[in-house]
């Protein structure tokens, strides 16, 4: 029993569609893996405020976790779980407690999961302290009034 030329053509079309669908699925999976590996940050920290010359700088790269930041594997896991919301600014018109947390300032620059990050952190009031503590102690130093 042979296939007619019409049914052979239909089978070939179905196979072609299946192959294209599988190729799209594989390329989509590879794209998401590439995005998660595209985390590269530089953290600059000023103990006495950003206007001083004395600063510390650390680097972090993920997948595999490496860099000069202490415990890069923990930082990469937390960044993968929290994403860009970890760097969110305080929304406008939010009342913040006027509690001074210390002169420390940090800047985080680079990419997280392929998205650009340029965030500055301080400890100037309650909202800023809360932002700082979202990333402390695994990305930023503990900080505090000294």
Protein backbone atom coordinates (compact mmCIF):
# COMPACT_ATOMS: atom_id res chain seq x y z
CA UNK A 1 0.00 0.00 0.00
CA UNK A 2 1.56 3.22 -1.14
CA UNK A 3 0.72 6.77 -0.31
CA UNK A 4 -0.72 9.00 -2.96
CA UNK A 5 1.26 12.10 -3.88
CA UNK A 6 -1.34 14.27 -2.07
CA UNK A 7 -1.09 12.36 1.20
CA UNK A 8 2.72 12.22 0.92
CA UNK A 9 2.75 16.00 0.60
CA UNK A 10 0.50 16.34 3.68
CA UNK A 11 2.78 14.07 5.73
CA UNK A 12 5.85 16.07 4.64
CA UNK A 13 4.12 19.33 5.59
CA UNK A 14 3.23 17.98 9.01
CA UNK A 15 6.81 16.84 9.55
CA UNK A 16 8.11 20.26 8.45
CA UNK A 17 5.72 22.05 10.84
CA UNK A 18 6.73 19.71 13.66
CA UNK A 19 10.44 20.31 12.99
CA UNK A 20 9.92 24.10 12.93
CA UNK A 21 7.91 23.97 16.17
CA UNK A 22 10.63 21.93 17.87
CA UNK A 23 13.31 24.33 16.59
CA UNK A 24 11.37 27.31 17.98
CA UNK A 25 10.94 25.55 21.32
CA UNK A 26 14.64 24.74 21.56
CA UNK A 27 15.72 28.25 20.59
CA UNK A 28 13.29 29.73 23.16
CA UNK A 29 14.74 27.54 25.92
CA UNK A 30 18.26 28.52 24.92
CA UNK A 31 17.30 32.20 24.94
CA UNK A 32 16.03 32.06 28.51
CA UNK A 33 19.16 30.26 29.66
CA UNK A 34 21.27 32.94 27.99
CA UNK A 35 19.30 35.68 29.72
CA UNK A 36 19.85 34.23 33.18
CA UNK A 37 23.57 34.00 32.53
CA UNK A 38 23.69 37.66 31.51
CA UNK A 39 24.15 39.03 35.04
CA UNK A 40 27.19 41.19 35.48
CA UNK A 41 27.44 43.84 38.21
CA UNK A 42 29.96 46.25 39.64
CA UNK A 43 29.27 47.39 43.20
CA UNK A 44 31.06 50.52 44.45
CA UNK A 45 30.84 51.29 48.17
CA UNK A 46 31.79 54.43 50.08
CA UNK A 47 31.95 54.00 53.84
CA UNK A 48 31.84 57.76 54.51
CA UNK A 49 29.71 58.95 51.59
CA UNK A 50 30.27 59.07 47.82
CA UNK A 51 32.20 62.35 47.93
CA UNK A 52 35.23 60.72 49.54
CA UNK A 53 38.11 59.26 47.58
CA UNK A 54 38.16 56.10 49.68
CA UNK A 55 35.95 53.42 48.15
CA UNK A 56 35.70 49.67 47.71
CA UNK A 57 34.66 48.00 44.47
CA UNK A 58 33.45 44.47 43.89
CA UNK A 59 32.37 42.58 40.79
CA UNK A 60 29.80 39.84 40.35
CA UNK A 61 29.14 37.56 37.38
CA UNK A 62 26.60 34.75 37.36
CA UNK A 63 26.36 31.40 35.62
CA UNK A 64 28.84 30.38 36.84
CA UNK A 65 28.96 32.54 39.96
CA UNK A 66 32.26 34.39 40.24
CA UNK A 67 33.79 37.78 40.93
CA UNK A 68 35.39 39.66 43.80
CA UNK A 69 32.14 40.01 45.78
CA UNK A 70 32.18 37.71 48.82
CA UNK A 71 29.92 34.64 48.37
CA UNK A 72 28.98 35.21 44.70
CA UNK A 73 26.82 32.06 44.52
CA UNK A 74 24.45 33.40 47.19
CA UNK A 75 24.23 36.78 45.45
CA UNK A 76 23.47 35.14 42.09
CA UNK A 77 20.71 32.99 43.60
CA UNK A 78 19.11 35.98 45.33
CA UNK A 79 19.33 38.10 42.17
CA UNK A 80 17.73 35.31 40.13
CA UNK A 81 14.89 35.06 42.67
CA UNK A 82 14.33 38.80 43.22
CA UNK A 83 15.19 40.26 39.82
CA UNK A 84 14.93 43.94 39.03
CA UNK A 85 12.46 44.70 41.83
CA UNK A 86 15.40 44.48 44.25
CA UNK A 87 16.72 47.72 42.73
CA UNK A 88 13.41 49.59 42.64
CA UNK A 89 13.49 53.20 43.81
CA UNK A 90 11.18 54.48 46.50
CA UNK A 91 7.98 55.59 44.76
CA UNK A 92 7.26 59.33 44.74
CA UNK A 93 5.01 60.77 47.46
CA UNK A 94 5.87 58.00 49.95
CA UNK A 95 6.29 59.16 53.53
CA UNK A 96 9.64 57.98 54.90
CA UNK A 97 10.68 58.01 58.52
CA UNK A 98 13.36 60.60 59.19
CA UNK A 99 15.83 58.17 60.73
CA UNK A 100 19.45 58.60 59.74
CA UNK A 101 21.12 55.25 59.13
CA UNK A 102 24.66 56.40 58.39
CA UNK A 103 26.83 58.01 55.72
CA UNK A 104 27.32 54.85 53.62
CA UNK A 105 26.60 55.06 49.91
CA UNK A 106 26.71 52.32 47.27
CA UNK A 107 26.22 52.23 43.52
CA UNK A 108 25.30 49.09 41.58
CA UNK A 109 25.88 49.20 37.82
CA UNK A 110 25.56 46.50 35.17
CA UNK A 111 22.95 43.99 34.07
CA UNK A 112 20.67 41.53 35.86
CA UNK A 113 19.18 38.84 33.63
CA UNK A 114 20.04 41.01 30.64
CA UNK A 115 18.31 44.15 32.01
CA UNK A 116 20.35 47.28 32.67
CA UNK A 117 20.85 48.36 36.29
CA UNK A 118 22.12 51.74 37.52
CA UNK A 119 21.05 52.17 41.15
CA UNK A 120 22.39 54.28 44.01
CA UNK A 121 21.75 53.34 47.62
CA UNK A 122 22.15 55.36 50.80
CA UNK A 123 21.03 55.20 54.41
CA UNK A 124 19.66 58.76 54.65
CA UNK A 125 16.13 57.89 55.84
CA UNK A 126 13.85 54.96 56.63
CA UNK A 127 12.96 54.26 53.00
CA UNK A 128 16.60 54.35 51.89
CA UNK A 129 17.58 52.06 54.78
CA UNK A 130 14.86 49.60 53.72
CA UNK A 131 16.15 49.59 50.11
CA UNK A 132 19.70 49.04 51.40
CA UNK A 133 18.63 46.14 53.59
CA UNK A 134 16.93 44.37 50.65
CA UNK A 135 20.44 43.81 49.29
CA UNK A 136 22.40 43.54 52.53
CA UNK A 137 24.47 41.60 53.47
CA UNK A 138 24.71 39.53 50.28
CA UNK A 139 25.30 42.39 47.80
CA UNK A 140 25.91 45.49 49.95
CA UNK A 141 27.81 45.71 53.25
CA UNK A 142 25.69 45.74 56.40
CA UNK A 143 26.20 49.50 56.94
CA UNK A 144 24.89 51.55 59.81
CA UNK A 145 25.84 54.54 61.92
CA UNK A 146 29.43 54.30 63.13
